[in-house]
Amino acid sequence: MADTTSRMLQLLSLLQARRDWPGEVLAERLEVSVRTVRRDVDRLRELGYRVRAVKGPDGGYRLDAGSELPPLLFDDEQAVAVAIALQTATASGADIGEPAERALATVRTVMPSHLRHRVDALATAVTRAAADAVDPADPVDPALLLAVSAAMRARETLRFDYRDETDAPPRRAEPHHLVARAGRWYVIGWDVDRADWRVFRVDRMRLRSARGARFAPRELPGGDPHAFLAARFRGGAAGSAARFRGGTSGSAEWPCRGAVVLALPLDRVAPFAADAAVEAVDASCTRVHAGSWSWVALAASLLRFDADVTAAEPAELAAAFATLAGRASEASASVGP
């Protein structure tokens, strides 16, 4: 019976791996007769798998979709991939957090212990960025994620090369948080050589060693890796925890915030306001409250609406518009006839 069960599982794995299988090829793979394959297929059908006989010169079998979900069979890599996908499901923006947690618990329960320990080590903090598009251009090897998470859990320093840093010595970082944001993975860690907090894209890391010197846990500025990473992308961190401006270290707020009135109706502004707050002044004007990493950048972002701007506040924002006007004047003067 054990041999029959093992053979049926192997047959199921083969049927999941390829669309059509000639009966004789399956019999060769399983080292049994074609008649035995036929009996095993019948047993799979009794368990709820829709295995269809394929007509043709060689004959064969195909695993079709059914009306109900039967038990599934995963190899080690597939099981780890499913677990990682379920842990990061909330990053998709879909409201599937609770079902994903239940599915992860189900998968984890039946995992072999060596896989369960690897998945448990992948302690992730997932930030939700619904407005950002997922960019699959640089996928991350799951083995690299697992190695980073294991070093983070063991409090061991990572030693790695960082892409785009040619002829640079290897980086050394104490990994404290592994964060998924908008389709990319980031390590928030203490840079040993620069004595400062840094954010590293995992797809740009090439590990030399994930078993470096042990380190004592440090307290992340602000305490929240979500807010720290958001502030890093907004310019509030500029790569260093010491450079947070306009609020508590680790704050996700823009370092420079201001307001203007645009000579456009609300319905012309709101679709392009991103994370700015907008309100109608009257039928033809809209007040916009926005932020950026500098006053000049904020002024430039507001000019993109191609409308008259008035009532700029605070004074730093009004001065930034004057700075932009001077630069634009110089630029236009340098243009030849």
Protein backbone atom coordinates (compact mmCIF):
# COMPACT_ATOMS: atom_id res chain seq x y z
CA MET A 1 0.00 0.00 0.00
CA ALA A 2 2.84 2.37 0.83
CA ASP A 3 4.36 1.72 -2.60
CA THR A 4 1.01 2.44 -4.26
CA THR A 5 0.57 5.71 -2.36
CA SER A 6 4.12 6.82 -3.13
CA ARG A 7 3.63 5.99 -6.81
CA MET A 8 0.33 7.92 -6.93
CA LEU A 9 1.98 10.98 -5.43
CA GLN A 10 4.75 10.73 -8.00
CA LEU A 11 2.13 10.38 -10.76
CA LEU A 12 0.28 13.44 -9.45
CA SER A 13 3.52 15.43 -9.41
CA LEU A 14 4.20 14.51 -13.04
CA LEU A 15 0.66 15.44 -14.13
CA GLN A 16 1.00 18.84 -12.43
CA ALA A 17 4.33 19.52 -14.13
CA ARG A 18 3.22 19.10 -17.75
CA ARG A 19 0.00 19.49 -19.71
CA ASP A 20 -0.14 16.17 -21.59
CA TRP A 21 1.54 12.86 -20.79
CA PRO A 22 1.50 9.82 -23.09
CA GLY A 23 0.60 6.72 -21.09
CA GLU A 24 3.74 4.87 -22.12
CA VAL A 25 5.97 7.75 -21.02
CA LEU A 26 4.28 7.82 -17.60
CA ALA A 27 4.74 4.07 -17.30
CA GLU A 28 8.44 4.46 -18.09
CA ARG A 29 8.89 7.24 -15.54
CA LEU A 30 7.11 5.26 -12.84
CA GLU A 31 8.70 1.94 -13.87
CA VAL A 32 5.33 0.18 -14.05
CA SER A 33 3.03 -1.11 -16.77
CA VAL A 34 0.57 1.01 -18.72
CA ARG A 35 -2.21 -0.96 -17.03
CA THR A 36 -0.90 0.06 -13.58
CA VAL A 37 -0.84 3.70 -14.67
CA ARG A 38 -4.48 3.35 -15.74
CA ARG A 39 -5.43 1.96 -12.31
CA ASP A 40 -3.53 4.75 -10.50
CA VAL A 41 -5.29 7.36 -12.64
CA ASP A 42 -8.64 5.86 -11.60
CA ARG A 43 -7.61 6.15 -7.94
CA LEU A 44 -6.72 9.83 -8.43
CA ARG A 45 -10.14 10.40 -9.98
CA GLU A 46 -11.78 8.83 -6.92
CA LEU A 47 -9.87 11.37 -4.77
CA GLY A 48 -11.32 14.28 -6.74
CA TYR A 49 -8.65 14.90 -9.36
CA ARG A 50 -10.01 15.43 -12.86
CA VAL A 51 -7.61 13.39 -14.96
CA ARG A 52 -8.84 13.27 -18.54
CA ALA A 53 -7.83 10.66 -21.08
CA VAL A 54 -6.33 12.30 -24.18
CA LYS A 55 -7.09 10.71 -27.51
CA GLY A 56 -4.41 10.35 -30.16
CA PRO A 57 -1.87 7.98 -31.65
CA ASP A 58 -0.07 7.53 -28.34
CA GLY A 59 -2.97 8.17 -25.97
CA GLY A 60 -2.31 9.83 -22.67
CA TYR A 61 -3.58 11.82 -19.72
CA ARG A 62 -4.15 15.45 -18.77
CA LEU A 63 -4.89 16.98 -15.36
CA ASP A 64 -7.83 19.37 -15.78
CA ALA A 65 -9.29 22.01 -13.47
CA GLY A 66 -12.15 20.74 -11.34
CA SER A 67 -15.19 22.22 -9.61
CA GLU A 68 -13.54 21.88 -6.19
CA LEU A 69 -9.94 22.29 -5.06
CA PRO A 70 -8.37 18.87 -4.41
CA PRO A 71 -5.26 18.33 -2.29
CA LEU A 72 -2.15 19.78 -3.95
CA LEU A 73 1.41 18.54 -4.08
CA PHE A 74 4.33 20.98 -3.90
CA ASP A 75 8.05 20.41 -4.14
CA ASP A 76 10.33 22.28 -1.70
CA GLU A 77 10.85 25.33 -3.91
CA GLN A 78 7.13 25.63 -4.68
CA ALA A 79 6.22 25.38 -0.99
CA VAL A 80 8.66 28.16 -0.04
CA ALA A 81 7.40 30.31 -2.94
CA VAL A 82 3.77 29.90 -1.80
CA ALA A 83 4.67 30.79 1.78
CA ILE A 84 6.55 33.94 0.73
CA ALA A 85 3.68 35.00 -1.54
CA LEU A 86 1.16 34.52 1.28
CA GLN A 87 3.28 36.49 3.75
CA THR A 88 3.43 39.43 1.35
CA ALA A 89 -0.15 39.20 0.08
CA THR A 90 -1.22 42.48 1.70
CA ALA A 91 1.29 44.37 -0.46
CA SER A 92 -0.94 43.69 -3.48
CA GLY A 93 -3.48 46.22 -2.22
CA ALA A 94 -6.25 43.60 -2.25
CA ASP A 95 -8.24 42.95 0.90
CA ILE A 96 -7.00 39.38 1.35
CA GLY A 97 -4.99 39.65 4.57
CA GLU A 98 -7.12 37.35 6.74
CA PRO A 99 -7.62 34.61 4.10
CA ALA A 100 -3.89 34.77 3.32
CA GLU A 101 -3.06 34.25 7.00
CA ARG A 102 -5.34 31.20 7.16
CA ALA A 103 -3.85 29.79 3.96
CA LEU A 104 -0.33 30.32 5.29
CA ALA A 105 -1.23 28.52 8.51
CA THR A 106 -2.58 25.59 6.47
CA VAL A 107 0.53 25.35 4.30
CA ARG A 108 2.84 25.73 7.28
CA THR A 109 1.11 22.92 9.21
CA VAL A 110 1.90 20.28 6.59
CA MET A 111 5.41 21.51 5.74
CA PRO A 112 8.41 19.35 6.62
CA SER A 113 10.27 20.78 9.59
CA HIS A 114 13.30 21.90 7.55
CA LEU A 115 11.06 24.01 5.29
CA ARG A 116 8.93 25.30 8.16
CA HIS A 117 12.03 26.62 9.94
CA ARG A 118 13.19 28.41 6.77
CA VAL A 119 9.79 30.04 6.27
CA ASP A 120 9.50 31.02 9.95
CA ALA A 121 12.86 32.78 9.64
CA LEU A 122 11.40 35.01 6.97
CA ALA A 123 10.02 37.58 9.40
CA THR A 124 8.82 40.32 7.07
CA ALA A 125 7.36 43.74 7.54
CA VAL A 126 5.18 44.54 4.58
CA THR A 127 4.27 48.10 3.74
CA ARG A 128 1.29 48.82 1.62
CA ALA A 129 1.81 51.16 -1.28
CA ALA A 130 -1.37 50.91 -3.34
CA ALA A 131 -0.40 53.83 -5.60
CA ASP A 132 2.93 52.29 -6.59
CA ALA A 133 3.13 49.83 -9.46
CA VAL A 134 4.85 46.51 -8.90
CA ASP A 135 8.08 46.39 -10.89
CA PRO A 136 9.11 42.79 -11.64
CA ALA A 137 12.20 43.82 -13.60
CA ASP A 138 14.60 42.70 -10.87
CA PRO A 139 13.16 39.63 -9.12
CA VAL A 140 14.77 38.50 -5.88
CA ASP A 141 16.00 34.93 -5.48
CA PRO A 142 14.00 33.35 -2.61
CA ALA A 143 17.24 31.76 -1.39
CA LEU A 144 18.69 35.25 -0.93
CA LEU A 145 15.62 36.36 1.04
CA LEU A 146 15.91 33.32 3.27
CA ALA A 147 19.64 33.93 3.82
CA VAL A 148 19.06 37.57 4.76
CA SER A 149 16.18 36.70 7.09
CA ALA A 150 18.25 33.97 8.75
CA ALA A 151 21.08 36.45 9.39
CA MET A 152 18.57 38.95 10.76
CA ARG A 153 17.10 36.37 13.11
CA ALA A 154 20.54 35.17 14.28
CA ARG A 155 21.82 38.78 14.63
CA GLU A 156 24.74 38.12 12.30
CA THR A 157 26.38 40.77 10.12
CA LEU A 158 25.92 40.55 6.35
CA ARG A 159 28.91 41.02 4.04
CA PHE A 160 27.94 41.73 0.45
CA ASP A 161 28.73 43.51 -2.81
CA TYR A 162 26.24 46.16 -3.86
CA ARG A 163 25.41 46.52 -7.55
CA ASP A 164 26.34 49.84 -9.21
CA GLU A 165 29.16 50.36 -6.69
CA THR A 166 32.05 49.39 -8.94
CA ASP A 167 35.52 48.93 -7.42
CA ALA A 168 34.04 49.49 -3.97
CA PRO A 169 34.94 47.30 -1.00
CA PRO A 170 32.27 44.88 0.26
CA ARG A 171 29.56 46.41 2.42
CA ARG A 172 28.97 45.27 5.98
CA ALA A 173 25.55 45.74 7.52
CA GLU A 174 23.65 44.56 10.57
CA PRO A 175 20.20 43.58 9.21
CA HIS A 176 17.33 44.67 11.45
CA HIS A 177 14.27 44.65 9.20
CA LEU A 178 13.31 43.02 5.89
CA VAL A 179 10.57 45.03 4.20
CA ALA A 180 8.51 44.45 1.04
CA ARG A 181 7.29 47.60 -0.66
CA ALA A 182 5.65 47.96 -4.07
CA GLY A 183 7.14 44.79 -5.50
CA ARG A 184 10.67 45.26 -4.15
CA TRP A 185 12.46 43.98 -1.06
CA TYR A 186 14.60 46.18 1.18
CA VAL A 187 16.92 45.58 4.12
CA ILE A 188 16.96 48.29 6.78
CA GLY A 189 20.25 47.88 8.56
CA TRP A 190 23.10 49.52 10.42
CA ASP A 191 26.02 50.17 8.05
CA VAL A 192 29.06 49.10 10.07
CA ASP A 193 31.62 51.12 8.09
CA ARG A 194 29.54 54.30 7.85
CA ALA A 195 28.18 54.06 11.40
CA ASP A 196 24.69 55.00 10.23
CA TRP A 197 21.34 53.49 9.23
CA ARG A 198 20.99 52.55 5.56
CA VAL A 199 18.37 51.02 3.26
CA PHE A 200 19.54 48.37 0.76
CA ARG A 201 17.60 46.90 -2.16
CA VAL A 202 17.87 43.14 -1.87
CA ASP A 203 17.90 42.59 -5.64
CA ARG A 204 21.13 44.64 -5.78
CA MET A 205 22.88 42.61 -3.09
CA ARG A 206 25.31 39.78 -3.82
CA LEU A 207 26.12 38.03 -0.57
CA ARG A 208 29.70 37.18 0.22
CA SER A 209 28.83 35.94 3.69
CA ALA A 210 25.62 35.77 5.67
CA ARG A 211 27.35 34.40 8.79
CA GLY A 212 29.37 37.37 9.99
CA ALA A 213 30.08 38.70 13.45
CA ARG A 214 27.22 38.72 15.94
CA PHE A 215 25.71 42.10 16.80
CA ALA A 216 23.51 43.52 19.53
CA PRO A 217 20.05 44.77 18.47
CA ARG A 218 19.78 48.52 17.87
CA GLU A 219 16.67 50.67 18.14
CA LEU A 220 15.52 51.94 14.76
CA PRO A 221 14.86 55.73 14.79
CA GLY A 222 11.14 56.16 15.25
CA GLY A 223 10.75 52.44 15.95
CA ASP A 224 8.59 51.76 12.88
CA PRO A 225 10.27 50.22 9.81
CA HIS A 226 7.21 51.11 7.68
CA ALA A 227 7.52 54.81 8.51
CA PHE A 228 11.30 54.73 8.23
CA LEU A 229 11.20 53.32 4.69
CA ALA A 230 8.39 55.67 3.63
CA ALA A 231 10.40 58.64 4.91
CA ARG A 232 13.48 57.36 3.09
CA PHE A 233 11.60 57.44 -0.21
CA ARG A 234 10.16 60.85 0.54
CA GLY A 235 13.59 62.30 1.23
CA GLY A 236 13.06 62.67 4.96
CA ALA A 237 15.95 60.36 5.70
CA ALA A 238 18.23 61.04 2.74
CA GLY A 239 20.02 57.84 3.65
CA SER A 240 20.80 58.88 7.21
CA ALA A 241 18.73 58.79 10.37
CA ALA A 242 20.51 61.95 11.51
CA ARG A 243 19.05 63.93 8.61
CA PHE A 244 15.35 63.58 9.37
CA ARG A 245 13.74 67.01 9.24
CA GLY A 246 10.37 68.47 10.04
CA GLY A 247 9.33 65.99 12.72
CA THR A 248 10.29 63.00 14.80
CA SER A 249 13.06 60.81 13.44
CA GLY A 250 11.52 58.06 11.36
CA SER A 251 8.42 60.10 10.55
CA ALA A 252 6.78 59.38 7.21
CA GLU A 253 5.89 63.07 6.82
CA TRP A 254 7.50 65.17 4.10
CA PRO A 255 10.20 67.46 5.53
CA CYS A 256 8.71 70.46 3.68
CA ARG A 257 4.95 71.07 3.56
CA GLY A 258 2.98 74.02 2.24
CA ALA A 259 -0.18 75.16 0.46
CA VAL A 260 -1.12 77.16 -2.62
CA VAL A 261 -4.28 78.10 -4.51
CA LEU A 262 -4.39 76.89 -8.13
CA ALA A 263 -6.57 78.55 -10.76
CA LEU A 264 -8.18 75.24 -11.66
CA PRO A 265 -11.44 73.60 -10.54
CA LEU A 266 -11.26 70.74 -8.06
CA ASP A 267 -12.11 68.04 -10.62
CA ARG A 268 -9.09 69.09 -12.73
CA VAL A 269 -6.68 68.84 -9.78
CA ALA A 270 -7.87 65.90 -7.67
CA PRO A 271 -7.02 63.07 -10.16
CA PHE A 272 -3.36 64.17 -10.22
CA ALA A 273 -2.89 65.19 -6.59
CA ALA A 274 -1.18 61.96 -5.46
CA ASP A 275 -0.78 62.22 -1.66
CA ALA A 276 -1.65 65.94 -1.52
CA ALA A 277 -4.85 67.16 0.17
CA VAL A 278 -7.13 69.26 -2.03
CA GLU A 279 -10.21 71.38 -1.34
CA ALA A 280 -12.36 73.62 -3.49
CA VAL A 281 -12.00 77.38 -2.87
CA ASP A 282 -14.76 78.14 -5.40
CA ALA A 283 -15.93 76.79 -8.75
CA SER A 284 -12.69 77.74 -10.49
CA CYS A 285 -9.95 77.50 -7.82
CA THR A 286 -8.51 74.73 -5.64
CA ARG A 287 -6.34 74.88 -2.53
CA VAL A 288 -3.61 72.21 -2.49
CA HIS A 289 -1.74 71.11 0.65
CA ALA A 290 1.33 69.11 -0.35
CA GLY A 291 4.84 68.13 0.68
CA SER A 292 8.22 67.30 -0.80
CA TRP A 293 11.85 66.77 0.14
CA SER A 294 12.75 70.45 -0.40
CA TRP A 295 10.91 73.77 -0.85
CA VAL A 296 12.11 74.18 -4.44
CA ALA A 297 11.01 70.63 -5.29
CA LEU A 298 7.60 71.35 -3.77
CA ALA A 299 7.24 74.54 -5.80
CA ALA A 300 8.24 72.73 -9.00
CA SER A 301 5.73 69.93 -8.35
CA LEU A 302 2.91 72.47 -7.98
CA LEU A 303 3.83 74.23 -11.21
CA ARG A 304 3.23 71.02 -13.14
CA PHE A 305 -0.52 71.76 -13.07
CA ASP A 306 0.13 74.52 -15.65
CA ALA A 307 -2.09 77.04 -13.86
CA ASP A 308 -1.71 80.35 -12.06
CA VAL A 309 -0.50 79.93 -8.47
CA THR A 310 -1.42 82.31 -5.63
CA ALA A 311 -1.52 82.40 -1.82
CA ALA A 312 1.65 80.36 -1.36
CA GLU A 313 2.47 79.64 2.26
CA PRO A 314 4.63 79.44 4.28
CA ALA A 315 7.19 82.06 3.34
CA GLU A 316 9.77 79.37 2.45
CA LEU A 317 7.50 78.08 -0.30
CA ALA A 318 6.91 81.59 -1.70
CA ALA A 319 10.69 82.12 -1.75
CA ALA A 320 11.12 78.81 -3.58
CA PHE A 321 8.83 80.04 -6.37
CA ALA A 322 11.06 83.14 -6.66
CA THR A 323 14.12 80.85 -6.90
CA LEU A 324 12.49 78.87 -9.68
CA ALA A 325 11.53 82.08 -11.50
CA GLY A 326 15.17 83.21 -11.44
CA ARG A 327 16.40 79.89 -12.77
CA ALA A 328 13.75 79.87 -15.50
CA SER A 329 14.76 83.39 -16.51
CA GLU A 330 18.42 82.38 -16.77
CA ALA A 331 17.50 79.29 -18.74
CA SER A 332 15.39 81.24 -21.24
CA ALA A 333 18.16 83.85 -21.68
CA SER A 334 20.64 81.12 -22.59
CA VAL A 335 18.47 79.85 -25.42
CA GLY A 336 19.68 81.10 -28.78
CA PRO A 337 17.42 82.64 -31.44
